[in-house]
């Protein structure tokens, strides 16, 4: 059994060689927002939700990206509304957001 029901990793990679990077799209700010919102909704903690940042998840060309474990569901997002939808639907209610899935 996983320690968290949903363990979310936001790619916050910033490549220095000019290739696409998730942080080019503000992934660090979105990770910070998601962490705050999950706490505000009282979804954070053991047996619930954990929001983390990751280095390169090697999908930056599809980015920005995040992955939800243990399910292994990958998402892309454009803005805070998309992150809210992932939180409200997937993390709070267990419904995968198909339109953002990669």
N, C-alpha and C. Protein backbone atom coordinates (compact mmCIF):
# COMPACT_ATOMS: atom_id res chain seq x y z
N UNK A 1 0.84 -1.18 0.00
CA UNK A 1 0.00 0.00 0.00
C UNK A 1 0.89 1.25 0.00
N UNK A 2 0.53 2.20 -0.81
CA UNK A 2 1.28 3.44 -0.91
C UNK A 2 1.06 4.30 0.34
N UNK A 3 2.06 5.06 0.72
CA UNK A 3 1.95 5.96 1.86
C UNK A 3 0.93 7.07 1.58
N UNK A 4 0.90 7.51 0.31
CA UNK A 4 -0.06 8.54 -0.11
C UNK A 4 -1.05 7.93 -1.09
N UNK A 5 -2.27 8.39 -1.04
CA UNK A 5 -3.27 7.96 -2.02
C UNK A 5 -2.86 8.48 -3.39
N UNK A 6 -2.43 9.74 -3.44
CA UNK A 6 -1.95 10.37 -4.68
C UNK A 6 -0.66 11.10 -4.37
N UNK A 7 0.42 10.71 -5.04
CA UNK A 7 1.72 11.38 -4.89
C UNK A 7 2.00 12.04 -6.24
N UNK A 8 1.99 13.37 -6.26
CA UNK A 8 2.06 14.14 -7.49
C UNK A 8 3.44 14.75 -7.65
N UNK A 9 4.04 14.53 -8.81
CA UNK A 9 5.35 15.11 -9.13
C UNK A 9 5.20 16.06 -10.31
N UNK A 10 5.53 17.33 -10.07
CA UNK A 10 5.58 18.34 -11.13
C UNK A 10 7.00 18.39 -11.65
N UNK A 11 7.17 18.24 -12.96
CA UNK A 11 8.49 18.45 -13.55
C UNK A 11 8.78 19.94 -13.47
N UNK A 12 9.87 20.28 -12.82
CA UNK A 12 10.29 21.68 -12.68
C UNK A 12 11.66 21.89 -13.31
N UNK A 13 11.95 21.09 -14.30
CA UNK A 13 13.25 21.12 -14.95
C UNK A 13 13.46 22.39 -15.75
N UNK A 14 14.70 22.90 -15.71
CA UNK A 14 15.10 24.03 -16.55
C UNK A 14 16.38 23.62 -17.27
N UNK A 15 16.26 23.28 -18.54
CA UNK A 15 17.42 22.89 -19.34
C UNK A 15 18.19 24.13 -19.74
N UNK A 16 19.49 23.99 -19.79
CA UNK A 16 20.36 25.12 -20.13
C UNK A 16 20.80 25.10 -21.59
N UNK A 17 20.41 24.06 -22.32
CA UNK A 17 20.89 23.91 -23.70
C UNK A 17 19.90 24.37 -24.76
N UNK A 18 18.82 25.04 -24.33
CA UNK A 18 17.85 25.57 -25.28
C UNK A 18 16.70 24.64 -25.61
N UNK A 19 16.78 23.38 -25.20
CA UNK A 19 15.67 22.46 -25.45
C UNK A 19 14.49 22.83 -24.55
N UNK A 20 13.31 22.39 -24.95
CA UNK A 20 12.10 22.66 -24.17
C UNK A 20 12.26 22.20 -22.73
N UNK A 21 11.76 23.01 -21.81
CA UNK A 21 11.80 22.69 -20.38
C UNK A 21 10.45 23.02 -19.78
N UNK A 22 10.02 22.20 -18.84
CA UNK A 22 8.74 22.46 -18.18
C UNK A 22 8.73 23.79 -17.46
N UNK A 23 9.86 24.18 -16.89
CA UNK A 23 9.89 25.44 -16.16
C UNK A 23 9.78 26.65 -17.09
N UNK A 24 9.97 26.45 -18.41
CA UNK A 24 9.72 27.53 -19.37
C UNK A 24 8.26 27.96 -19.33
N UNK A 25 7.41 27.07 -18.83
CA UNK A 25 5.96 27.30 -18.78
C UNK A 25 5.48 27.57 -17.36
N UNK A 26 6.39 27.90 -16.46
CA UNK A 26 6.01 28.26 -15.09
C UNK A 26 5.66 27.09 -14.20
N UNK A 27 6.28 25.94 -14.44
CA UNK A 27 5.93 24.74 -13.66
C UNK A 27 6.21 24.89 -12.17
N UNK A 28 7.26 25.61 -11.81
CA UNK A 28 7.56 25.79 -10.38
C UNK A 28 6.44 26.57 -9.69
N UNK A 29 5.96 27.61 -10.33
CA UNK A 29 4.86 28.40 -9.77
C UNK A 29 3.59 27.55 -9.67
N UNK A 30 3.33 26.71 -10.66
CA UNK A 30 2.14 25.85 -10.63
C UNK A 30 2.26 24.79 -9.54
N UNK A 31 3.47 24.28 -9.33
CA UNK A 31 3.70 23.33 -8.25
C UNK A 31 3.43 23.99 -6.91
N UNK A 32 3.94 25.19 -6.73
CA UNK A 32 3.72 25.93 -5.48
C UNK A 32 2.23 26.18 -5.26
N UNK A 33 1.54 26.56 -6.33
CA UNK A 33 0.10 26.80 -6.24
C UNK A 33 -0.63 25.51 -5.84
N UNK A 34 -0.32 24.40 -6.52
CA UNK A 34 -0.99 23.13 -6.23
C UNK A 34 -0.76 22.70 -4.79
N UNK A 35 0.46 22.85 -4.31
CA UNK A 35 0.78 22.47 -2.93
C UNK A 35 -0.07 23.29 -1.95
N UNK A 36 -0.16 24.57 -2.18
CA UNK A 36 -0.95 25.45 -1.33
C UNK A 36 -2.44 25.10 -1.40
N UNK A 37 -2.94 24.87 -2.59
CA UNK A 37 -4.37 24.58 -2.74
C UNK A 37 -4.75 23.25 -2.12
N UNK A 38 -3.90 22.24 -2.27
CA UNK A 38 -4.16 20.93 -1.66
C UNK A 38 -4.21 21.06 -0.14
N UNK A 39 -3.32 21.86 0.43
CA UNK A 39 -3.35 22.10 1.88
C UNK A 39 -4.61 22.85 2.28
N UNK A 40 -4.97 23.87 1.50
CA UNK A 40 -6.16 24.67 1.77
C UNK A 40 -7.42 23.80 1.76
N UNK A 41 -7.48 22.84 0.86
CA UNK A 41 -8.64 21.94 0.75
C UNK A 41 -8.58 20.79 1.75
N UNK A 42 -7.51 20.78 2.56
CA UNK A 42 -7.29 19.74 3.57
C UNK A 42 -7.21 18.34 2.96
N UNK A 43 -6.53 18.27 1.80
CA UNK A 43 -6.32 17.00 1.12
C UNK A 43 -4.92 16.44 1.39
N UNK A 44 -4.05 17.24 2.01
CA UNK A 44 -2.65 16.86 2.18
C UNK A 44 -2.46 15.94 3.37
N UNK A 45 -1.45 15.07 3.27
CA UNK A 45 -1.06 14.26 4.41
C UNK A 45 -1.07 12.77 4.12
N UNK A 46 -0.65 12.00 5.11
CA UNK A 46 -0.59 10.55 5.01
C UNK A 46 -1.96 10.01 4.58
N UNK A 47 -1.91 9.04 3.68
CA UNK A 47 -3.11 8.41 3.11
C UNK A 47 -3.94 9.35 2.24
N UNK A 48 -3.38 10.53 1.95
CA UNK A 48 -4.10 11.49 1.11
C UNK A 48 -3.19 11.94 -0.03
N UNK A 49 -2.89 13.21 -0.11
CA UNK A 49 -2.18 13.76 -1.27
C UNK A 49 -0.87 14.40 -0.84
N UNK A 50 0.15 14.21 -1.66
CA UNK A 50 1.45 14.86 -1.48
C UNK A 50 1.84 15.48 -2.82
N UNK A 51 2.22 16.75 -2.81
CA UNK A 51 2.68 17.46 -4.00
C UNK A 51 4.19 17.65 -3.88
N UNK A 52 4.94 17.21 -4.90
CA UNK A 52 6.39 17.36 -4.92
C UNK A 52 6.84 17.91 -6.26
N UNK A 53 8.06 18.42 -6.27
CA UNK A 53 8.68 18.81 -7.53
C UNK A 53 9.68 17.73 -7.91
N UNK A 54 9.91 17.62 -9.19
CA UNK A 54 10.89 16.66 -9.69
C UNK A 54 11.83 17.40 -10.64
N UNK A 55 12.99 16.82 -10.81
CA UNK A 55 13.87 17.27 -11.87
C UNK A 55 13.26 16.81 -13.18
N UNK A 56 14.06 16.60 -14.17
CA UNK A 56 13.55 16.23 -15.48
C UNK A 56 12.85 14.87 -15.43
N UNK A 57 11.61 14.86 -15.90
CA UNK A 57 10.86 13.61 -16.06
C UNK A 57 10.95 13.11 -17.50
N UNK A 58 11.75 13.78 -18.32
CA UNK A 58 12.06 13.40 -19.70
C UNK A 58 10.84 13.45 -20.63
N UNK A 59 9.91 14.35 -20.32
CA UNK A 59 8.76 14.56 -21.21
C UNK A 59 8.52 16.06 -21.40
N UNK A 60 9.57 16.85 -21.26
CA UNK A 60 9.43 18.31 -21.32
C UNK A 60 8.85 18.79 -22.65
N UNK A 61 9.09 18.05 -23.73
CA UNK A 61 8.54 18.45 -25.03
C UNK A 61 7.02 18.38 -25.06
N UNK A 62 6.42 17.68 -24.09
CA UNK A 62 4.97 17.61 -23.96
C UNK A 62 4.48 18.53 -22.85
N UNK A 63 5.37 19.32 -22.31
CA UNK A 63 5.15 20.03 -21.07
C UNK A 63 4.40 21.32 -21.16
N UNK A 64 4.15 21.81 -19.98
CA UNK A 64 4.62 21.28 -18.71
C UNK A 64 3.87 20.01 -18.34
N UNK A 65 4.53 19.15 -17.57
CA UNK A 65 3.94 17.87 -17.21
C UNK A 65 3.98 17.63 -15.71
N UNK A 66 3.05 16.77 -15.29
CA UNK A 66 3.07 16.23 -13.93
C UNK A 66 2.62 14.79 -14.03
N UNK A 67 2.96 14.01 -13.02
CA UNK A 67 2.54 12.61 -12.98
C UNK A 67 1.99 12.31 -11.59
N UNK A 68 0.91 11.54 -11.56
CA UNK A 68 0.25 11.16 -10.31
C UNK A 68 0.51 9.68 -10.07
N UNK A 69 1.19 9.39 -8.97
CA UNK A 69 1.43 8.01 -8.56
C UNK A 69 0.56 7.68 -7.35
N UNK A 70 0.22 6.43 -7.10
CA UNK A 70 0.77 5.24 -7.74
C UNK A 70 0.09 4.86 -9.05
N UNK A 71 -0.91 5.62 -9.49
CA UNK A 71 -1.62 5.27 -10.72
C UNK A 71 -0.78 5.42 -11.98
N UNK A 72 0.22 6.31 -11.94
CA UNK A 72 1.04 6.55 -13.12
C UNK A 72 0.30 7.32 -14.20
N UNK A 73 -0.54 8.25 -13.80
CA UNK A 73 -1.31 9.07 -14.74
C UNK A 73 -0.52 10.35 -15.04
N UNK A 74 -0.23 10.58 -16.30
CA UNK A 74 0.52 11.75 -16.75
C UNK A 74 -0.44 12.80 -17.26
N UNK A 75 -0.15 14.06 -16.89
CA UNK A 75 -0.95 15.19 -17.34
C UNK A 75 -0.04 16.28 -17.90
N UNK A 76 -0.62 17.06 -18.80
CA UNK A 76 -0.07 18.35 -19.16
C UNK A 76 -1.09 19.39 -18.73
N UNK A 77 -0.69 20.63 -18.64
CA UNK A 77 -1.58 21.70 -18.21
C UNK A 77 -1.10 23.00 -18.82
N UNK A 78 -2.01 23.95 -18.92
CA UNK A 78 -1.68 25.25 -19.50
C UNK A 78 -1.64 26.33 -18.43
N UNK A 79 -2.59 26.25 -17.49
CA UNK A 79 -2.73 27.34 -16.54
C UNK A 79 -3.30 26.83 -15.21
N UNK A 80 -3.55 27.75 -14.32
CA UNK A 80 -4.05 27.44 -13.00
C UNK A 80 -5.41 26.73 -13.06
N UNK A 81 -6.25 27.08 -14.04
CA UNK A 81 -7.54 26.41 -14.18
C UNK A 81 -7.38 24.92 -14.44
N UNK A 82 -6.39 24.57 -15.27
CA UNK A 82 -6.12 23.15 -15.54
C UNK A 82 -5.65 22.44 -14.28
N UNK A 83 -4.78 23.08 -13.51
CA UNK A 83 -4.28 22.49 -12.26
C UNK A 83 -5.44 22.33 -11.28
N UNK A 84 -6.32 23.33 -11.20
CA UNK A 84 -7.50 23.21 -10.35
C UNK A 84 -8.36 22.02 -10.76
N UNK A 85 -8.52 21.82 -12.05
CA UNK A 85 -9.33 20.71 -12.53
C UNK A 85 -8.71 19.36 -12.13
N UNK A 86 -7.40 19.24 -12.23
CA UNK A 86 -6.72 18.01 -11.81
C UNK A 86 -6.92 17.79 -10.31
N UNK A 87 -6.77 18.86 -9.53
CA UNK A 87 -6.96 18.74 -8.07
C UNK A 87 -8.41 18.37 -7.75
N UNK A 88 -9.35 19.11 -8.32
CA UNK A 88 -10.76 18.91 -7.98
C UNK A 88 -11.29 17.57 -8.47
N UNK A 89 -10.89 17.17 -9.65
CA UNK A 89 -11.42 15.93 -10.22
C UNK A 89 -10.63 14.70 -9.79
N UNK A 90 -9.33 14.69 -10.10
CA UNK A 90 -8.53 13.49 -9.84
C UNK A 90 -8.15 13.34 -8.37
N UNK A 91 -7.54 14.35 -7.81
CA UNK A 91 -7.02 14.21 -6.45
C UNK A 91 -8.13 14.18 -5.40
N UNK A 92 -9.16 14.98 -5.57
CA UNK A 92 -10.24 15.02 -4.59
C UNK A 92 -11.29 13.94 -4.81
N UNK A 93 -11.53 13.58 -6.09
CA UNK A 93 -12.65 12.70 -6.39
C UNK A 93 -12.30 11.44 -7.17
N UNK A 94 -11.02 11.25 -7.51
CA UNK A 94 -10.61 10.02 -8.18
C UNK A 94 -11.01 9.90 -9.63
N UNK A 95 -11.40 11.01 -10.26
CA UNK A 95 -11.82 10.99 -11.66
C UNK A 95 -10.69 11.53 -12.53
N UNK A 96 -10.17 10.70 -13.42
CA UNK A 96 -9.08 11.11 -14.31
C UNK A 96 -9.59 12.17 -15.28
N UNK A 97 -8.80 13.22 -15.47
CA UNK A 97 -9.15 14.32 -16.38
C UNK A 97 -8.60 13.95 -17.75
N UNK A 98 -9.44 13.32 -18.55
CA UNK A 98 -9.00 12.79 -19.84
C UNK A 98 -8.48 13.86 -20.79
N UNK A 99 -9.05 15.03 -20.78
CA UNK A 99 -8.64 16.07 -21.74
C UNK A 99 -7.22 16.57 -21.50
N UNK A 100 -6.68 16.36 -20.28
CA UNK A 100 -5.32 16.82 -19.97
C UNK A 100 -4.32 15.66 -19.91
N UNK A 101 -4.80 14.47 -20.08
CA UNK A 101 -3.93 13.27 -19.96
C UNK A 101 -3.02 13.15 -21.18
N UNK A 102 -1.78 12.77 -20.92
CA UNK A 102 -0.84 12.49 -22.00
C UNK A 102 -0.35 11.07 -21.86
